[in-house]
C-alpha atoms as a PDB file:
ATOM      1  CA  UNK A   1      -2.974  16.700  -9.654  1.00  0.00           C
ATOM      2  CA  UNK A   2      -4.577  16.670  -6.303  1.00  0.00           C
ATOM      3  CA  UNK A   3      -3.088  13.992  -4.502  1.00  0.00           C
ATOM      4  CA  UNK A   4      -3.902  12.171  -1.012  1.00  0.00           C
ATOM      5  CA  UNK A   5      -1.214  10.575   0.723  1.00  0.00           C
ATOM      6  CA  UNK A   6      -1.765   8.009   3.643  1.00  0.00           C
ATOM      7  CA  UNK A   7      -0.053   5.091   5.090  1.00  0.00           C
ATOM      8  CA  UNK A   8      -0.154   2.522   8.059  1.00  0.00           C
ATOM      9  CA  UNK A   9       3.073   3.718   9.672  1.00  0.00           C
ATOM     10  CA  UNK A  10       1.348   6.698  11.194  1.00  0.00           C
ATOM     11  CA  UNK A  11       1.413  10.369  10.332  1.00  0.00           C
ATOM     12  CA  UNK A  12       4.832  10.816  11.627  1.00  0.00           C
ATOM     13  CA  UNK A  13       6.667   8.121   9.940  1.00  0.00           C
ATOM     14  CA  UNK A  14       9.630   9.067   7.505  1.00  0.00           C
ATOM     15  CA  UNK A  15       8.460   7.458   4.693  1.00  0.00           C
ATOM     16  CA  UNK A  16       5.029   9.300   4.433  1.00  0.00           C
ATOM     17  CA  UNK A  17       6.992  12.720   4.468  1.00  0.00           C
ATOM     18  CA  UNK A  18       9.681  11.463   1.728  1.00  0.00           C
ATOM     19  CA  UNK A  19       6.601  10.613  -0.380  1.00  0.00           C
ATOM     20  CA  UNK A  20       4.899  14.121   0.392  1.00  0.00           C
ATOM     21  CA  UNK A  21       8.134  15.992  -0.256  1.00  0.00           C
ATOM     22  CA  UNK A  22       8.922  14.478  -3.576  1.00  0.00           C
ATOM     23  CA  UNK A  23       5.259  15.139  -4.790  1.00  0.00           C
ATOM     24  CA  UNK A  24       4.951  18.542  -3.614  1.00  0.00           C
ATOM     25  CA  UNK A  25       7.599  19.811  -5.859  1.00  0.00           C
ATOM     26  CA  UNK A  26       4.898  19.568  -8.810  1.00  0.00           C
ATOM     27  CA  UNK A  27       1.314  18.589  -7.218  1.00  0.00           C
ATOM     28  CA  UNK A  28      -1.105  19.764  -4.576  1.00  0.00           C
ATOM     29  CA  UNK A  29      -0.174  17.313  -1.911  1.00  0.00           C
ATOM     30  CA  UNK A  30      -2.657  16.358   1.283  1.00  0.00           C
ATOM     31  CA  UNK A  31      -1.620  13.817   4.124  1.00  0.00           C
ATOM     32  CA  UNK A  32      -4.530  12.134   5.987  1.00  0.00           C
ATOM     33  CA  UNK A  33      -2.987   9.353   8.121  1.00  0.00           C
ATOM     34  CA  UNK A  34      -3.272   7.388  11.420  1.00  0.00           C
ATOM     35  CA  UNK A  35      -2.244   9.200  14.466  1.00  0.00           C
ATOM     36  CA  UNK A  36      -0.041   6.270  15.407  1.00  0.00           C
ATOM     37  CA  UNK A  37       1.208   2.976  13.914  1.00  0.00           C
ATOM     38  CA  UNK A  38      -1.388   0.876  12.351  1.00  0.00           C
ATOM     39  CA  UNK A  39       0.735  -1.817  10.577  1.00  0.00           C
ATOM     40  CA  UNK A  40      -0.913  -5.274   9.512  1.00  0.00           C
ATOM     41  CA  UNK A  41      -4.243  -3.885  10.329  1.00  0.00           C
ATOM     42  CA  UNK A  42      -5.687  -5.202   7.076  1.00  0.00           C
ATOM     43  CA  UNK A  43      -8.758  -3.549   5.286  1.00  0.00           C
ATOM     44  CA  UNK A  44     -11.310  -2.402   7.973  1.00  0.00           C
ATOM     45  CA  UNK A  45     -13.506   0.759   8.797  1.00  0.00           C
ATOM     46  CA  UNK A  46     -14.027   1.969  12.250  1.00  0.00           C
ATOM     47  CA  UNK A  47     -17.848   1.496  12.834  1.00  0.00           C
ATOM     48  CA  UNK A  48     -18.213   1.014  16.649  1.00  0.00           C
ATOM     49  CA  UNK A  49     -16.567   4.288  17.901  1.00  0.00           C
ATOM     50  CA  UNK A  50     -16.227   7.678  16.736  1.00  0.00           C
ATOM     51  CA  UNK A  51     -12.844   9.016  14.946  1.00  0.00           C
ATOM     52  CA  UNK A  52     -11.546  12.105  15.159  1.00  0.00           C
ATOM     53  CA  UNK A  53      -9.322  14.448  12.977  1.00  0.00           C
ATOM     54  CA  UNK A  54      -6.681  16.832  13.929  1.00  0.00           C
ATOM     55  CA  UNK A  55      -4.867  19.108  11.755  1.00  0.00           C
ATOM     56  CA  UNK A  56      -0.785  19.049  12.324  1.00  0.00           C
ATOM     57  CA  UNK A  57      -0.030  21.673   9.776  1.00  0.00           C
ATOM     58  CA  UNK A  58      -0.412  22.721   6.218  1.00  0.00           C
ATOM     59  CA  UNK A  59      -2.560  20.069   4.564  1.00  0.00           C
ATOM     60  CA  UNK A  60      -1.525  17.595   7.196  1.00  0.00           C
ATOM     61  CA  UNK A  61      -4.128  15.435   9.311  1.00  0.00           C
ATOM     62  CA  UNK A  62      -4.074  12.893  11.690  1.00  0.00           C
ATOM     63  CA  UNK A  63      -6.882  10.448  12.151  1.00  0.00           C
ATOM     64  CA  UNK A  64      -7.775   8.202  15.125  1.00  0.00           C
ATOM     65  CA  UNK A  65      -8.672   5.451  12.968  1.00  0.00           C
ATOM     66  CA  UNK A  66      -6.748   2.923  10.594  1.00  0.00           C
ATOM     67  CA  UNK A  67      -5.536   3.365   7.171  1.00  0.00           C
ATOM     68  CA  UNK A  68      -8.925   2.671   5.317  1.00  0.00           C
ATOM     69  CA  UNK A  69     -10.549   5.453   7.543  1.00  0.00           C
ATOM     70  CA  UNK A  70      -8.173   8.122   6.769  1.00  0.00           C
ATOM     71  CA  UNK A  71      -8.955   7.488   3.043  1.00  0.00           C
ATOM     72  CA  UNK A  72     -12.583   7.202   3.699  1.00  0.00           C
ATOM     73  CA  UNK A  73     -12.712  10.517   5.760  1.00  0.00           C
ATOM     74  CA  UNK A  74      -9.916  12.068   3.367  1.00  0.00           C
ATOM     75  CA  UNK A  75     -12.398  12.176   0.563  1.00  0.00           C
ATOM     76  CA  UNK A  76     -15.519  12.712   2.255  1.00  0.00           C
ATOM     77  CA  UNK A  77     -14.426  15.311   4.799  1.00  0.00           C
ATOM     78  CA  UNK A  78     -10.772  17.080   4.207  1.00  0.00           C
ATOM     79  CA  UNK A  79     -11.161  17.053   0.344  1.00  0.00           C
ATOM     80  CA  UNK A  80     -15.098  17.115   0.084  1.00  0.00           C
ATOM     81  CA  UNK A  81     -14.685  20.296  -1.786  1.00  0.00           C
ATOM     82  CA  UNK A  82     -12.895  18.618  -4.558  1.00  0.00           C
ATOM     83  CA  UNK A  83     -11.874  14.605  -4.844  1.00  0.00           C
ATOM     84  CA  UNK A  84      -8.126  13.772  -5.098  1.00  0.00           C
ATOM     85  CA  UNK A  85      -6.910  12.855  -8.580  1.00  0.00           C
ATOM     86  CA  UNK A  86      -4.609  10.068  -6.941  1.00  0.00           C
ATOM     87  CA  UNK A  87      -4.367   8.452  -3.826  1.00  0.00           C
ATOM     88  CA  UNK A  88      -0.656   7.127  -2.781  1.00  0.00           C
ATOM     89  CA  UNK A  89      -0.178   4.957   0.191  1.00  0.00           C
ATOM     90  CA  UNK A  90       3.096   4.457   1.860  1.00  0.00           C
ATOM     91  CA  UNK A  91       6.065   4.642   1.610  1.00  0.00           C
ATOM     92  CA  UNK A  92       5.803   1.599   3.812  1.00  0.00           C
ATOM     93  CA  UNK A  93       8.495   0.541   6.099  1.00  0.00           C
ATOM     94  CA  UNK A  94       9.139  -3.040   4.841  1.00  0.00           C
ATOM     95  CA  UNK A  95       7.948  -4.684   1.329  1.00  0.00           C
ATOM     96  CA  UNK A  96       4.052  -5.669   0.770  1.00  0.00           C
ATOM     97  CA  UNK A  97       4.751  -8.735  -1.538  1.00  0.00           C
ATOM     98  CA  UNK A  98       2.740 -11.630  -2.382  1.00  0.00           C
ATOM     99  CA  UNK A  99       0.027 -12.517   0.235  1.00  0.00           C
ATOM    100  CA  UNK A 100       1.231  -9.554   2.493  1.00  0.00           C
ATOM    101  CA  UNK A 101      -1.492  -7.292   0.511  1.00  0.00           C
ATOM    102  CA  UNK A 102      -4.504  -8.852   2.655  1.00  0.00           C
ATOM    103  CA  UNK A 103      -2.841  -7.818   5.831  1.00  0.00           C
ATOM    104  CA  UNK A 104      -1.084  -4.654   4.960  1.00  0.00           C
ATOM    105  CA  UNK A 105      -2.804  -1.278   6.250  1.00  0.00           C
ATOM    106  CA  UNK A 106      -0.688   0.322   3.365  1.00  0.00           C
ATOM    107  CA  UNK A 107      -2.470  -1.636   0.792  1.00  0.00           C
ATOM    108  CA  UNK A 108      -5.697  -1.244   2.178  1.00  0.00           C
ATOM    109  CA  UNK A 109      -5.497   2.512   2.085  1.00  0.00           C
ATOM    110  CA  UNK A 110      -5.016   2.034  -1.771  1.00  0.00           C
ATOM    111  CA  UNK A 111      -7.628  -0.584  -1.950  1.00  0.00           C
ATOM    112  CA  UNK A 112     -10.159   1.793  -0.344  1.00  0.00           C
ATOM    113  CA  UNK A 113      -9.438   4.394  -2.618  1.00  0.00           C
ATOM    114  CA  UNK A 114      -9.779   1.942  -5.604  1.00  0.00           C
ATOM    115  CA  UNK A 115     -13.086   1.013  -4.123  1.00  0.00           C
ATOM    116  CA  UNK A 116     -14.091   4.407  -4.146  1.00  0.00           C
ATOM    117  CA  UNK A 117     -13.352   4.970  -8.109  1.00  0.00           C
ATOM    118  CA  UNK A 118     -10.030   6.803  -7.482  1.00  0.00           C
ATOM    119  CA  UNK A 119      -6.599   5.899  -9.052  1.00  0.00           C
ATOM    120  CA  UNK A 120      -4.499   4.512  -6.119  1.00  0.00           C
ATOM    121  CA  UNK A 121      -0.941   3.142  -5.743  1.00  0.00           C
ATOM    122  CA  UNK A 122       0.314   1.182  -2.846  1.00  0.00           C
ATOM    123  CA  UNK A 123       4.433   1.911  -2.354  1.00  0.00           C
ATOM    124  CA  UNK A 124       6.612  -0.010  -0.103  1.00  0.00           C
ATOM    125  CA  UNK A 125      10.399  -0.315   0.483  1.00  0.00           C
ATOM    126  CA  UNK A 126      11.947  -3.731   1.115  1.00  0.00           C
ATOM    127  CA  UNK A 127      13.847  -2.619   4.380  1.00  0.00           C
ATOM    128  CA  UNK A 128      15.374  -5.072   6.326  1.00  0.00           C
ATOM    129  CA  UNK A 129      13.459  -4.785  10.006  1.00  0.00           C
ATOM    130  CA  UNK A 130      16.394  -6.089  11.887  1.00  0.00           C
ATOM    131  CA  UNK A 131      19.472  -3.825  10.063  1.00  0.00           C
ATOM    132  CA  UNK A 132      17.403  -0.787   8.884  1.00  0.00           C
ATOM    133  CA  UNK A 133      17.606   2.168  11.010  1.00  0.00           C
ATOM    134  CA  UNK A 134      14.054   3.655   9.550  1.00  0.00           C
ATOM    135  CA  UNK A 135      15.684   7.263   8.815  1.00  0.00           C
ATOM    136  CA  UNK A 136      14.182   9.510   6.221  1.00  0.00           C
ATOM    137  CA  UNK A 137      17.191   9.264   3.849  1.00  0.00           C
ATOM    138  CA  UNK A 138      16.147   5.407   3.612  1.00  0.00           C
ATOM    139  CA  UNK A 139      13.311   6.722   1.715  1.00  0.00           C
ATOM    140  CA  UNK A 140      14.292   9.376  -0.552  1.00  0.00           C
ATOM    141  CA  UNK A 141      15.394   6.867  -3.398  1.00  0.00           C
ATOM    142  CA  UNK A 142      11.735   5.168  -3.216  1.00  0.00           C
ATOM    143  CA  UNK A 143      10.190   8.332  -3.067  1.00  0.00           C
ATOM    144  CA  UNK A 144      12.054   9.472  -6.491  1.00  0.00           C
ATOM    145  CA  UNK A 145      11.149   5.837  -7.886  1.00  0.00           C
ATOM    146  CA  UNK A 146       7.626   6.061  -6.789  1.00  0.00           C
ATOM    147  CA  UNK A 147       7.365   9.624  -8.590  1.00  0.00           C
ATOM    148  CA  UNK A 148       8.703   7.895 -11.883  1.00  0.00           C
ATOM    149  CA  UNK A 149       5.972   5.041 -11.704  1.00  0.00           C
ATOM    150  CA  UNK A 150       3.381   7.792 -11.583  1.00  0.00           C
ATOM    151  CA  UNK A 151       4.653   9.496 -14.398  1.00  0.00           C
ATOM    152  CA  UNK A 152       4.653   6.176 -16.721  1.00  0.00           C
ATOM    153  CA  UNK A 153       1.108   5.950 -15.413  1.00  0.00           C
ATOM    154  CA  UNK A 154      -0.077   9.336 -16.501  1.00  0.00           C
ATOM    155  CA  UNK A 155       1.431   8.545 -20.163  1.00  0.00           C
ATOM    156  CA  UNK A 156      -0.715   5.494 -19.924  1.00  0.00           C
ATOM    157  CA  UNK A 157      -3.915   6.248 -18.403  1.00  0.00           C
ATOM    158  CA  UNK A 158      -4.455   9.967 -19.271  1.00  0.00           C
ATOM    159  CA  UNK A 159      -7.289  10.986 -21.495  1.00  0.00           C
ATOM    160  CA  UNK A 160      -4.969  12.769 -24.049  1.00  0.00           C
ATOM    161  CA  UNK A 161      -1.319  13.837 -24.394  1.00  0.00           C
ATOM    162  CA  UNK A 162      -2.265  17.463 -22.930  1.00  0.00           C
ATOM    163  CA  UNK A 163      -4.073  15.795 -19.604  1.00  0.00           C
ATOM    164  CA  UNK A 164      -2.057  14.504 -17.045  1.00  0.00           C
ATOM    165  CA  UNK A 165      -5.397  13.439 -15.117  1.00  0.00           C
ATOM    166  CA  UNK A 166      -5.657   9.753 -14.989  1.00  0.00           C
ATOM    167  CA  UNK A 167      -9.113   9.567 -16.530  1.00  0.00           C
ATOM    168  CA  UNK A 168      -8.359   6.205 -18.031  1.00  0.00           C
ATOM    169  CA  UNK A 169      -7.403   4.236 -15.037  1.00  0.00           C
ATOM    170  CA  UNK A 170      -8.809   0.826 -14.971  1.00  0.00           C
ATOM    171  CA  UNK A 171     -11.844   0.755 -12.633  1.00  0.00           C
ATOM    172  CA  UNK A 172     -11.301  -0.594  -9.082  1.00  0.00           C
ATOM    173  CA  UNK A 173      -7.522  -1.315  -9.765  1.00  0.00           C
ATOM    174  CA  UNK A 174      -4.660  -0.511  -7.587  1.00  0.00           C
ATOM    175  CA  UNK A 175      -1.014  -0.538  -8.343  1.00  0.00           C
ATOM    176  CA  UNK A 176       1.033  -2.465  -5.795  1.00  0.00           C
ATOM    177  CA  UNK A 177       4.597  -1.124  -5.889  1.00  0.00           C
ATOM    178  CA  UNK A 178       7.641  -2.420  -3.901  1.00  0.00           C
ATOM    179  CA  UNK A 179      11.215  -0.716  -4.314  1.00  0.00           C
ATOM    180  CA  UNK A 180      14.285  -2.817  -3.224  1.00  0.00           C
ATOM    181  CA  UNK A 181      16.442  -1.054  -0.546  1.00  0.00           C
ATOM    182  CA  UNK A 182      19.523  -0.360  -2.539  1.00  0.00           C
ATOM    183  CA  UNK A 183      21.387   2.836  -3.613  1.00  0.00           C
ATOM    184  CA  UNK A 184      19.890   4.123  -6.694  1.00  0.00           C
ATOM    185  CA  UNK A 185      22.702   3.319  -8.946  1.00  0.00           C
ATOM    186  CA  UNK A 186      22.360  -0.779  -7.875  1.00  0.00           C
ATOM    187  CA  UNK A 187      18.462  -0.757  -9.021  1.00  0.00           C
ATOM    188  CA  UNK A 188      18.488  -2.348 -12.255  1.00  0.00           C
ATOM    189  CA  UNK A 189      14.973  -0.868 -13.590  1.00  0.00           C
ATOM    190  CA  UNK A 190      11.226  -1.639 -13.202  1.00  0.00           C
ATOM    191  CA  UNK A 191       9.407  -4.892 -13.907  1.00  0.00           C
ATOM    192  CA  UNK A 192       5.558  -5.408 -14.304  1.00  0.00           C
ATOM    193  CA  UNK A 193       4.998  -8.415 -11.849  1.00  0.00           C
ATOM    194  CA  UNK A 194       2.217 -10.963 -10.803  1.00  0.00           C
ATOM    195  CA  UNK A 195       1.431 -11.377  -7.036  1.00  0.00           C
ATOM    196  CA  UNK A 196       3.604 -13.703  -5.546  1.00  0.00           C
ATOM    197  CA  UNK A 197       3.669 -16.288  -2.558  1.00  0.00           C
ATOM    198  CA  UNK A 198       5.855 -15.500   0.469  1.00  0.00           C
ATOM    199  CA  UNK A 199       6.468 -18.185   3.221  1.00  0.00           C
ATOM    200  CA  UNK A 200       6.283 -17.580   6.815  1.00  0.00           C
ATOM    201  CA  UNK A 201       6.669 -19.809   9.915  1.00  0.00           C
ATOM    202  CA  UNK A 202       3.567 -20.508  12.232  1.00  0.00           C
ATOM    203  CA  UNK A 203       5.594 -20.601  15.543  1.00  0.00           C
ATOM    204  CA  UNK A 204       3.690 -19.153  18.510  1.00  0.00           C
ATOM    205  CA  UNK A 205       5.406 -17.659  21.561  1.00  0.00           C
ATOM    206  CA  UNK A 206       3.674 -18.548  24.756  1.00  0.00           C
ATOM    207  CA  UNK A 207       4.304 -16.657  27.809  1.00  0.00           C
ATOM    208  CA  UNK A 208       3.064 -16.132  31.153  1.00  0.00           C
ATOM    209  CA  UNK A 209       2.312 -12.222  32.572  1.00  0.00           C
ATOM    210  CA  UNK A 210       3.086 -11.383  36.372  1.00  0.00           C
ATOM    211  CA  UNK A 211      -0.174 -12.995  37.535  1.00  0.00           C
ATOM    212  CA  UNK A 212       0.539 -16.507  35.964  1.00  0.00           C
ATOM    213  CA  UNK A 213      -2.068 -16.266  32.997  1.00  0.00           C
ATOM    214  CA  UNK A 214      -0.996 -17.198  29.569  1.00  0.00           C
ATOM    215  CA  UNK A 215      -0.313 -14.654  26.722  1.00  0.00           C
ATOM    216  CA  UNK A 216       0.442 -15.341  23.194  1.00  0.00           C
ATOM    217  CA  UNK A 217       2.519 -13.396  20.325  1.00  0.00           C
ATOM    218  CA  UNK A 218       1.790 -14.526  16.917  1.00  0.00           C
ATOM    219  CA  UNK A 219       3.318 -13.459  13.461  1.00  0.00           C
ATOM    220  CA  UNK A 220       5.520 -16.045  12.363  1.00  0.00           C
ATOM    221  CA  UNK A 221       9.280 -15.151  10.995  1.00  0.00           C
ATOM    222  CA  UNK A 222       9.727 -14.806   7.318  1.00  0.00           C
ATOM    223  CA  UNK A 223      11.288 -17.799   5.713  1.00  0.00           C
ATOM    224  CA  UNK A 224      11.487 -16.471   2.103  1.00  0.00           C
ATOM    225  CA  UNK A 225       9.481 -17.050  -1.201  1.00  0.00           C
ATOM    226  CA  UNK A 226       8.156 -19.319  -3.842  1.00  0.00           C
ATOM    227  CA  UNK A 227      10.415 -18.794  -6.992  1.00  0.00           C
ATOM    228  CA  UNK A 228       7.649 -17.948  -9.556  1.00  0.00           C
ATOM    229  CA  UNK A 229       8.644 -16.578 -12.689  1.00  0.00           C
ATOM    230  CA  UNK A 230       7.503 -12.988 -13.198  1.00  0.00           C
ATOM    231  CA  UNK A 231       6.151 -12.400  -9.650  1.00  0.00           C
ATOM    232  CA  UNK A 232       6.579  -9.424  -7.429  1.00  0.00           C
ATOM    233  CA  UNK A 233       9.169 -11.388  -4.923  1.00  0.00           C
ATOM    234  CA  UNK A 234      11.156 -12.677  -7.560  1.00  0.00           C
ATOM    235  CA  UNK A 235      11.522  -9.008  -8.919  1.00  0.00           C
ATOM    236  CA  UNK A 236      12.622  -7.386  -6.069  1.00  0.00           C
ATOM    237  CA  UNK A 237      15.058  -9.967  -4.868  1.00  0.00           C
ATOM    238  CA  UNK A 238      16.639  -9.575  -8.447  1.00  0.00           C
ATOM    239  CA  UNK A 239      17.201  -5.904  -7.688  1.00  0.00           C
ATOM    240  CA  UNK A 240      13.828  -4.373  -9.696  1.00  0.00           C
ATOM    241  CA  UNK A 241      11.090  -2.217  -8.727  1.00  0.00           C
ATOM    242  CA  UNK A 242       8.025  -4.641  -8.936  1.00  0.00           C
ATOM    243  CA  UNK A 243       4.655  -2.858  -9.998  1.00  0.00           C
ATOM    244  CA  UNK A 244       1.702  -5.214  -9.855  1.00  0.00           C
ATOM    245  CA  UNK A 245      -2.100  -4.074 -10.928  1.00  0.00           C
ATOM    246  CA  UNK A 246      -4.351  -5.472  -8.578  1.00  0.00           C
ATOM    247  CA  UNK A 247      -8.184  -5.575  -8.877  1.00  0.00           C
ATOM    248  CA  UNK A 248     -10.541  -5.733  -6.181  1.00  0.00           C
ATOM    249  CA  UNK A 249     -12.532  -8.705  -7.801  1.00  0.00           C
ATOM    250  CA  UNK A 250     -10.557 -11.716  -6.332  1.00  0.00           C
ATOM    251  CA  UNK A 251     -13.136 -14.408  -8.140  1.00  0.00           C
ATOM    252  CA  UNK A 252     -10.887 -17.183  -9.470  1.00  0.00           C
ATOM    253  CA  UNK A 253     -12.382 -17.413 -13.038  1.00  0.00           C
ATOM    254  CA  UNK A 254     -11.020 -20.623 -13.829  1.00  0.00           C
ATOM    255  CA  UNK A 255     -12.484 -22.482 -10.844  1.00  0.00           C
ATOM    256  CA  UNK A 256     -15.742 -20.760 -11.297  1.00  0.00           C
ATOM    257  CA  UNK A 257     -15.913 -22.234 -14.788  1.00  0.00           C
ATOM    258  CA  UNK A 258     -14.977 -25.701 -13.433  1.00  0.00           C
ATOM    259  CA  UNK A 259     -17.435 -25.478 -10.747  1.00  0.00           C
ATOM    260  CA  UNK A 260     -19.965 -24.478 -12.837  1.00  0.00           C
ATOM    261  CA  UNK A 261     -19.563 -27.734 -15.116  1.00  0.00           C
ATOM    262  CA  UNK A 262     -20.304 -30.172 -12.147  1.00  0.00           C
ATOM    263  CA  UNK A 263     -22.167 -28.241  -9.570  1.00  0.00           C
ATOM    264  CA  UNK A 264     -25.821 -29.057  -9.091  1.00  0.00           C
ATOM    265  CA  UNK A 265     -28.489 -26.920 -11.011  1.00  0.00           C
ATOM    266  CA  UNK A 266     -30.362 -27.077  -7.589  1.00  0.00           C
ATOM    267  CA  UNK A 267     -29.476 -27.782  -3.972  1.00  0.00           C
END
């Protein structure tokens, strides 16, 4: 397959190169990623200023924008001769569980790919931000397990047994994969999971600069997760790789049906 790889940790992050090294063994791989870290930037496209692409090596490009920009330009410019068969985003430094996907740049790259009709997977490693050294070796096992997820997807979504192309991939759907930060022999297996709920504090740090003006640091500390059976949070906490199929249509159908029963016919 022709595979486009991106992330939100930047083109030089060890996770993206572990992923590219693993998939380059059997696939045609291209890296198009932000020139610097763009974590928690969510799903945004740069419309107010020009973007620049720099080729850093064979099939490796940096972009001056965010993750979704990278996918957009990767498809429309770098791979304009032939679209990728698969988009991989990651391997993210840290988990992307529960509502994290709405802030995650890694998830946004996969979401942009799904929006453009291309099979897309976001993959993250549940590193401890305080204890992790963020070295290439941290991502080696995660890259192998991501490859295993893709192999399963090939069997499930290929048009035929002979074809490895993901022709039957569900429309406008991405997979969100989260991998425990454990030795390979300590990972218990893989579980299909629903989107869970993580709990963060809302504390804001208030400080003053050298001129006496206030400034703020936002981003509450992680306080745990809601123990929902079958959720991605519970799976990773239990030592399993979590695989969650996420669709772009976020309409709450149950609430919509209930509202339609009581909503005025005309306002």
